[in-house]
N, C-alpha and C. Protein backbone atom coordinates (compact mmCIF):
# COMPACT_ATOMS: atom_id res chain seq x y z
N MET A 1 107.51 62.35 148.20
CA MET A 1 106.65 61.00 147.92
C MET A 1 106.24 60.90 146.18
N ASP A 2 106.49 59.61 146.41
CA ASP A 2 106.82 59.03 144.90
C ASP A 2 105.79 58.07 144.62
N TYR A 3 105.35 57.89 143.32
CA TYR A 3 104.02 56.86 142.90
C TYR A 3 103.76 56.08 141.65
N ARG A 4 103.31 55.05 141.81
CA ARG A 4 103.75 53.93 140.70
C ARG A 4 102.33 53.43 140.39
N GLU A 5 102.39 52.41 139.65
CA GLU A 5 100.88 51.77 139.21
C GLU A 5 101.14 50.49 139.91
N ILE A 6 100.29 50.05 140.28
CA ILE A 6 100.31 48.55 141.00
C ILE A 6 100.34 47.44 140.21
N VAL A 7 101.05 46.74 140.58
CA VAL A 7 101.27 45.50 140.01
C VAL A 7 100.93 43.83 140.92
N LEU A 8 100.82 42.93 140.11
CA LEU A 8 100.17 42.03 140.94
C LEU A 8 101.48 41.32 141.98
N GLU A 9 102.54 41.94 141.49
CA GLU A 9 104.03 41.28 142.52
C GLU A 9 103.84 41.98 143.81
N ASP A 10 102.89 43.28 144.06
CA ASP A 10 103.04 44.39 144.87
C ASP A 10 101.96 43.66 146.16
N ILE A 11 101.03 42.72 145.76
CA ILE A 11 99.91 42.50 146.13
C ILE A 11 99.82 42.01 147.80
N GLN A 12 101.10 41.02 147.62
CA GLN A 12 101.18 40.35 149.39
C GLN A 12 101.52 41.66 150.06
N GLU A 13 101.88 42.48 149.92
CA GLU A 13 102.67 43.36 150.71
C GLU A 13 101.81 44.84 151.29
N LEU A 14 100.96 45.13 150.12
CA LEU A 14 99.49 46.09 150.09
C LEU A 14 98.78 44.69 150.92
N ALA A 15 98.95 43.73 151.02
CA ALA A 15 97.56 43.03 151.97
C ALA A 15 98.27 42.91 153.28
N LYS A 16 99.49 43.23 153.64
CA LYS A 16 99.71 43.34 154.88
C LYS A 16 99.35 44.60 155.37
N ILE A 17 99.53 45.84 154.76
CA ILE A 17 99.16 47.43 154.57
C ILE A 17 97.47 47.15 155.09
N TYR A 18 97.10 46.95 153.96
CA TYR A 18 95.63 46.66 153.87
C TYR A 18 94.92 46.00 155.37
N ALA A 19 95.32 44.81 155.56
CA ALA A 19 94.65 44.31 156.74
C ALA A 19 94.81 45.28 158.16
N GLU A 20 96.16 45.60 158.36
CA GLU A 20 96.79 46.21 159.60
C GLU A 20 95.95 47.78 159.60
N THR A 21 95.92 48.15 158.55
CA THR A 21 94.74 49.24 158.64
C THR A 21 93.64 49.01 158.91
N PHE A 22 92.78 48.11 158.07
CA PHE A 22 91.22 47.81 158.56
C PHE A 22 91.00 46.97 159.49
N ASN A 23 92.16 46.41 160.15
CA ASN A 23 91.96 45.66 161.38
C ASN A 23 92.17 46.81 162.70
N SER A 24 92.45 48.04 162.63
CA SER A 24 92.41 48.92 163.35
C SER A 24 91.64 49.84 164.10
N ASP A 25 91.61 51.28 164.22
CA ASP A 25 90.46 52.11 164.59
C ASP A 25 90.55 52.99 163.48
N PRO A 26 89.49 53.48 163.01
CA PRO A 26 87.87 52.69 163.12
C PRO A 26 87.03 51.73 163.07
N TRP A 27 87.45 51.22 161.85
CA TRP A 27 86.94 50.25 161.45
C TRP A 27 86.93 48.71 162.22
N TYR A 28 87.74 48.03 162.67
CA TYR A 28 88.08 47.02 163.55
C TYR A 28 87.57 45.76 162.70
N ASP A 29 88.01 45.75 161.57
CA ASP A 29 87.77 44.38 161.00
C ASP A 29 88.82 43.07 161.30
N LYS A 30 88.41 41.73 160.39
CA LYS A 30 88.87 40.93 160.93
C LYS A 30 89.65 40.55 159.83
N TRP A 31 90.74 41.21 159.25
CA TRP A 31 91.21 40.55 158.17
C TRP A 31 92.45 39.78 158.24
N THR A 32 92.19 38.50 157.74
CA THR A 32 93.76 38.05 157.63
C THR A 32 94.59 38.22 156.80
N GLN A 33 95.80 37.72 156.51
CA GLN A 33 97.00 38.12 155.57
C GLN A 33 96.21 37.56 154.32
N LYS A 34 95.71 36.26 154.23
CA LYS A 34 95.32 35.53 153.19
C LYS A 34 93.69 36.17 152.51
N THR A 35 92.53 36.35 153.50
CA THR A 35 91.94 37.36 153.01
C THR A 35 91.88 38.57 152.33
N ALA A 36 92.62 39.19 152.89
CA ALA A 36 93.42 40.47 152.20
C ALA A 36 93.76 40.09 150.63
N GLU A 37 94.69 38.96 150.76
CA GLU A 37 95.17 39.18 149.72
C GLU A 37 94.35 38.43 148.70
N LYS A 38 93.74 37.81 149.11
CA LYS A 38 92.65 37.27 148.01
C LYS A 38 91.63 38.46 147.71
N ARG A 39 91.43 39.47 148.37
CA ARG A 39 90.29 40.66 148.19
C ARG A 39 91.24 41.27 146.93
N LEU A 40 92.41 41.65 147.33
CA LEU A 40 93.13 42.76 146.49
C LEU A 40 93.82 41.81 145.08
N TYR A 41 93.86 40.51 145.17
CA TYR A 41 93.98 40.05 143.74
C TYR A 41 92.82 39.69 142.68
N GLN A 42 91.69 39.92 143.54
CA GLN A 42 90.47 39.73 143.00
C GLN A 42 90.10 41.18 142.26
N MET A 43 90.53 41.82 142.62
CA MET A 43 90.24 43.36 141.91
C MET A 43 91.59 43.64 141.19
N ALA A 44 92.76 43.08 140.82
CA ALA A 44 94.11 43.51 140.39
C ALA A 44 93.49 42.60 139.15
N ASN A 45 92.61 41.39 138.99
CA ASN A 45 92.49 40.56 137.98
C ASN A 45 91.10 41.08 137.21
N ASN A 46 90.74 42.12 137.40
CA ASN A 46 89.54 42.38 136.82
C ASN A 46 90.12 43.36 135.54
N GLY A 47 89.22 43.29 134.80
CA GLY A 47 89.83 44.18 133.13
C GLY A 47 89.84 45.50 133.48
N GLY A 48 88.92 45.78 134.24
CA GLY A 48 88.89 47.71 134.57
C GLY A 48 89.88 48.01 135.39
N PHE A 49 90.62 46.88 136.05
CA PHE A 49 91.27 47.65 137.57
C PHE A 49 92.40 48.57 137.19
N PHE A 50 92.88 49.69 138.13
CA PHE A 50 93.77 50.57 138.09
C PHE A 50 93.80 50.62 139.38
N GLY A 51 95.29 50.97 139.74
CA GLY A 51 95.74 51.24 141.19
C GLY A 51 97.09 51.80 141.17
N ILE A 52 97.33 52.73 142.02
CA ILE A 52 98.33 53.10 142.34
C ILE A 52 98.99 53.16 144.11
N LEU A 53 100.36 53.28 143.97
CA LEU A 53 100.99 53.37 145.69
C LEU A 53 101.76 54.45 146.09
N SER A 54 101.60 54.63 146.84
CA SER A 54 102.71 56.05 147.03
C SER A 54 104.10 55.16 147.99
N TYR A 55 104.70 55.68 147.91
CA TYR A 55 106.21 55.01 148.47
C TYR A 55 107.29 56.18 148.66
N ASP A 56 108.37 55.77 149.71
CA ASP A 56 109.41 56.89 150.14
C ASP A 56 110.35 55.74 150.01
N GLU A 57 111.70 56.41 150.74
CA GLU A 57 112.82 55.43 150.93
C GLU A 57 112.53 54.75 151.99
N SER A 58 111.31 54.48 152.60
CA SER A 58 111.08 53.24 153.73
C SER A 58 110.49 52.13 153.23
N GLY A 59 109.66 52.35 151.70
CA GLY A 59 109.08 51.38 151.62
C GLY A 59 107.69 52.13 150.70
N ILE A 60 106.62 51.19 150.48
CA ILE A 60 105.17 51.25 150.42
C ILE A 60 104.51 52.20 151.36
N THR A 61 104.06 53.44 151.01
CA THR A 61 103.18 54.20 152.15
C THR A 61 102.07 53.86 152.28
N GLY A 62 101.10 53.84 151.40
CA GLY A 62 99.70 54.05 150.91
C GLY A 62 99.32 53.19 149.27
N MET A 63 98.10 53.07 149.30
CA MET A 63 97.41 52.54 147.78
C MET A 63 96.61 53.03 147.91
N ILE A 64 95.90 53.10 146.43
CA ILE A 64 94.25 53.53 146.46
C ILE A 64 94.05 52.92 144.81
N MET A 65 93.10 51.91 144.78
CA MET A 65 92.86 51.42 143.70
C MET A 65 91.37 51.21 143.52
N GLY A 66 90.91 50.44 142.45
CA GLY A 66 89.54 50.31 142.07
C GLY A 66 89.36 49.75 140.70
N GLU A 67 88.25 50.05 139.79
CA GLU A 67 87.82 49.22 138.65
C GLU A 67 86.73 50.69 138.00
N SER A 68 87.41 50.44 136.86
CA SER A 68 86.35 51.42 135.61
C SER A 68 85.30 50.90 135.14
N GLU A 69 84.08 51.80 134.98
CA GLU A 69 83.11 51.08 134.59
C GLU A 69 82.28 51.81 133.33
N GLN A 70 82.03 50.96 132.18
CA GLN A 70 81.92 52.06 131.22
C GLN A 70 79.79 52.39 131.35
N TYR A 71 79.68 53.40 130.83
CA TYR A 71 78.54 53.76 131.03
C TYR A 71 77.63 54.25 130.35
N PHE A 72 76.86 54.44 129.93
CA PHE A 72 76.13 55.09 128.57
C PHE A 72 76.78 56.71 128.13
N ASP A 73 77.07 57.19 129.32
CA ASP A 73 77.73 59.25 129.16
C ASP A 73 79.13 58.64 129.88
N GLY A 74 80.01 57.86 129.67
CA GLY A 74 81.18 57.91 129.79
C GLY A 74 81.63 56.68 130.89
N VAL A 75 82.87 56.98 131.02
CA VAL A 75 83.48 55.90 132.27
C VAL A 75 83.51 56.11 133.16
N ILE A 76 83.12 55.58 134.41
CA ILE A 76 82.64 56.37 135.89
C ILE A 76 84.08 55.28 136.49
N PHE A 77 84.52 55.60 137.35
CA PHE A 77 86.04 54.98 138.00
C PHE A 77 85.28 54.75 139.52
N ASN A 78 85.05 53.28 139.98
CA ASN A 78 84.81 53.12 141.51
C ASN A 78 86.01 52.71 142.07
N VAL A 79 86.16 53.67 143.31
CA VAL A 79 87.29 53.45 144.28
C VAL A 79 86.70 52.38 144.82
N LYS A 80 87.54 51.40 144.99
CA LYS A 80 87.43 50.08 145.95
C LYS A 80 87.90 49.94 147.18
N GLU A 81 88.79 50.54 147.33
CA GLU A 81 90.11 49.88 148.75
C GLU A 81 90.76 51.40 148.32
N PHE A 82 91.17 52.02 149.66
CA PHE A 82 92.18 53.37 149.98
C PHE A 82 92.46 53.55 151.21
N CYS A 83 93.95 53.02 151.12
CA CYS A 83 94.53 53.46 152.92
C CYS A 83 95.78 53.76 152.62
N VAL A 84 96.17 54.27 154.37
CA VAL A 84 97.80 54.80 154.50
C VAL A 84 98.13 53.95 155.63
N LYS A 85 99.37 53.53 155.62
CA LYS A 85 99.84 52.85 156.79
C LYS A 85 99.78 53.40 157.53
N ASN A 86 99.52 52.62 158.95
CA ASN A 86 98.92 53.11 160.10
C ASN A 86 99.59 54.16 160.96
N GLU A 87 100.90 53.83 161.08
CA GLU A 87 101.87 54.68 161.54
C GLU A 87 101.96 55.93 160.64
N LEU A 88 101.55 56.11 159.43
CA LEU A 88 101.71 57.64 158.37
C LEU A 88 100.25 58.29 158.39
N ARG A 89 99.24 58.13 158.87
CA ARG A 89 97.76 58.33 158.82
C ARG A 89 97.87 59.58 159.46
N GLY A 90 97.08 60.83 158.99
CA GLY A 90 97.11 61.71 159.41
C GLY A 90 98.30 62.90 158.84
N LYS A 91 99.44 62.51 157.96
CA LYS A 91 100.52 63.34 157.87
C LYS A 91 100.10 63.72 156.40
N GLY A 92 98.57 64.24 155.73
CA GLY A 92 98.49 64.19 154.36
C GLY A 92 99.02 63.50 153.32
N ILE A 93 99.65 62.25 153.48
CA ILE A 93 99.92 60.95 152.76
C ILE A 93 98.51 60.74 151.72
N GLY A 94 97.62 60.34 152.78
CA GLY A 94 96.10 59.93 151.54
C GLY A 94 95.98 61.28 150.89
N THR A 95 95.92 62.45 151.16
CA THR A 95 95.22 63.20 150.86
C THR A 95 96.37 63.70 149.43
N GLU A 96 97.77 63.63 149.46
CA GLU A 96 98.32 63.70 148.40
C GLU A 96 98.23 62.44 147.12
N LEU A 97 98.03 61.07 147.60
CA LEU A 97 97.98 59.97 147.02
C LEU A 97 96.68 60.35 146.27
N LEU A 98 95.53 60.79 146.60
CA LEU A 98 94.19 60.53 146.45
C LEU A 98 93.96 62.19 145.18
N ALA A 99 94.80 62.51 145.55
CA ALA A 99 94.89 63.80 144.14
C ALA A 99 95.75 63.29 143.23
N GLU A 100 96.88 62.43 143.35
CA GLU A 100 97.78 62.07 142.14
C GLU A 100 97.11 60.75 141.55
N PHE A 101 96.05 60.14 142.16
CA PHE A 101 95.22 59.22 141.70
C PHE A 101 94.13 60.11 140.62
N GLU A 102 93.41 61.17 141.36
CA GLU A 102 92.65 61.55 140.42
C GLU A 102 93.49 62.42 139.33
N ARG A 103 94.30 62.76 139.29
CA ARG A 103 95.10 63.59 138.01
C ARG A 103 95.59 62.57 136.98
N ARG A 104 95.74 61.17 137.82
CA ARG A 104 95.96 60.14 136.45
C ARG A 104 94.33 59.57 135.94
N LEU A 105 93.71 59.68 136.58
CA LEU A 105 92.32 59.30 136.12
C LEU A 105 92.06 60.58 135.25
N LYS A 106 92.03 61.48 134.92
CA LYS A 106 91.39 62.68 134.57
C LYS A 106 92.23 62.37 132.99
N GLY A 107 94.06 61.90 133.28
CA GLY A 107 94.32 61.87 132.16
C GLY A 107 93.97 60.44 131.06
N MET A 108 93.19 59.49 131.61
CA MET A 108 92.32 58.37 131.27
C MET A 108 91.41 58.77 130.75
N GLY A 109 90.78 59.88 130.69
CA GLY A 109 88.92 60.28 130.20
C GLY A 109 88.27 60.01 131.32
N ILE A 110 88.33 59.25 132.76
CA ILE A 110 87.31 58.91 133.56
C ILE A 110 86.80 60.36 133.79
N ARG A 111 85.42 60.46 133.70
CA ARG A 111 84.30 61.06 134.14
C ARG A 111 83.78 61.70 135.27
N GLU A 112 83.92 60.40 135.80
CA GLU A 112 83.31 60.73 137.31
C GLU A 112 84.28 59.40 138.43
N THR A 113 84.36 59.77 139.70
CA THR A 113 84.77 58.80 140.81
C THR A 113 83.81 58.59 141.59
N VAL A 114 83.89 57.41 141.91
CA VAL A 114 82.55 57.23 143.40
C VAL A 114 83.08 56.40 143.75
N LEU A 115 82.88 55.96 145.06
CA LEU A 115 83.12 55.23 146.12
C LEU A 115 82.14 55.16 147.57
N MET A 116 82.70 53.81 148.17
CA MET A 116 81.63 53.90 149.21
C MET A 116 82.58 53.89 150.49
N THR A 117 81.80 54.37 151.23
CA THR A 117 82.70 54.56 152.67
C THR A 117 81.63 54.97 153.78
N ASN A 118 82.57 54.52 155.33
CA ASN A 118 81.44 54.73 156.70
C ASN A 118 81.55 55.94 157.06
N LEU A 119 80.82 55.89 157.80
CA LEU A 119 80.20 57.79 158.18
C LEU A 119 81.50 58.21 158.64
N GLU A 120 82.44 57.65 159.34
CA GLU A 120 83.57 58.24 159.84
C GLU A 120 84.42 58.80 159.00
N ASP A 121 84.26 58.55 157.89
CA ASP A 121 85.35 58.77 157.04
C ASP A 121 84.59 59.83 155.85
N GLU A 122 83.34 60.28 155.99
CA GLU A 122 82.73 60.94 155.33
C GLU A 122 83.21 61.99 155.00
N GLU A 123 83.80 62.90 156.09
CA GLU A 123 84.30 64.04 156.16
C GLU A 123 85.58 64.38 155.49
N PHE A 124 86.81 63.46 155.46
CA PHE A 124 87.70 63.24 154.36
C PHE A 124 87.17 63.71 153.23
N TYR A 125 86.16 62.61 152.55
CA TYR A 125 86.06 62.75 151.43
C TYR A 125 85.28 64.56 150.73
N LYS A 126 84.53 64.56 152.12
CA LYS A 126 83.98 66.04 151.49
C LYS A 126 84.97 67.05 151.61
N LYS A 127 85.58 67.03 152.19
CA LYS A 127 86.99 68.26 152.14
C LYS A 127 87.66 68.19 150.99
N ARG A 128 87.62 66.73 150.31
CA ARG A 128 88.04 66.74 149.00
C ARG A 128 87.10 66.73 147.41
N GLY A 129 86.25 67.12 147.87
CA GLY A 129 85.31 67.51 146.53
C GLY A 129 84.44 66.43 146.61
N PHE A 130 84.30 65.23 147.02
CA PHE A 130 83.03 64.08 147.03
C PHE A 130 82.16 64.74 147.72
N ASP A 131 80.72 64.31 147.03
CA ASP A 131 79.31 64.57 147.68
C ASP A 131 78.52 63.43 147.87
N ARG A 132 77.86 63.34 148.33
CA ARG A 132 76.79 61.77 148.56
C ARG A 132 76.37 62.22 146.94
N SER A 133 75.55 60.91 146.66
CA SER A 133 75.20 60.56 145.41
C SER A 133 73.99 60.93 145.60
N ARG A 134 73.18 61.85 144.29
CA ARG A 134 72.17 61.92 144.07
C ARG A 134 71.62 61.16 143.27
N GLY A 135 70.28 60.52 143.50
CA GLY A 135 69.32 59.55 143.50
C GLY A 135 70.01 58.22 143.57
N ILE A 136 71.31 57.67 144.27
CA ILE A 136 71.66 56.51 144.06
C ILE A 136 71.70 56.02 145.69
N ILE A 137 71.26 54.78 146.13
CA ILE A 137 71.71 54.71 147.64
C ILE A 137 72.48 53.19 147.20
N TYR A 138 73.09 52.75 148.53
CA TYR A 138 73.78 51.84 148.57
C TYR A 138 72.87 50.75 149.59
N MET A 139 72.59 49.61 148.92
CA MET A 139 71.44 48.55 149.62
C MET A 139 71.96 47.39 149.71
N GLY A 140 71.75 46.71 151.06
CA GLY A 140 72.58 44.98 151.24
C GLY A 140 71.20 44.31 151.96
N LYS A 141 71.71 42.95 152.01
CA LYS A 141 70.78 42.05 152.44
C LYS A 141 71.59 40.91 152.91
N GLU A 142 71.44 40.84 154.17
CA GLU A 142 72.79 39.35 154.49
C GLU A 142 71.81 38.25 154.13
N MET A 143 72.69 37.10 153.89
CA MET A 143 72.39 35.79 153.34
C MET A 143 72.29 34.67 154.30
């Protein structure tokens, strides 16, 4: 598996993988190519954006991206999106991609990595060293 940083020219292909992944089990979202592209372009145009993709001879196999945020005691990286092509899930690609991503973030001086996930995916992250946040909860309000 090889890795490289995500550039704007990757967004259309990444949006296709993104929509296919999150429109299937266990999420069952309703992404279109257009809405997925808009979301990924919004992230990629953020000043703190960083992301990498994994690929092999067949093409892109997965991606992980988000944004760095300055806090009083260092920089935290907020992982916003992470997925592997549906037909390749469960083969260790996500684990390897996350490890490569973390290696690169450490090299950038990132102090901590945070993310939101659904309960079905919590075990994946726990096995890779993530814990539930101490003292911060995620809240929302429908408008």
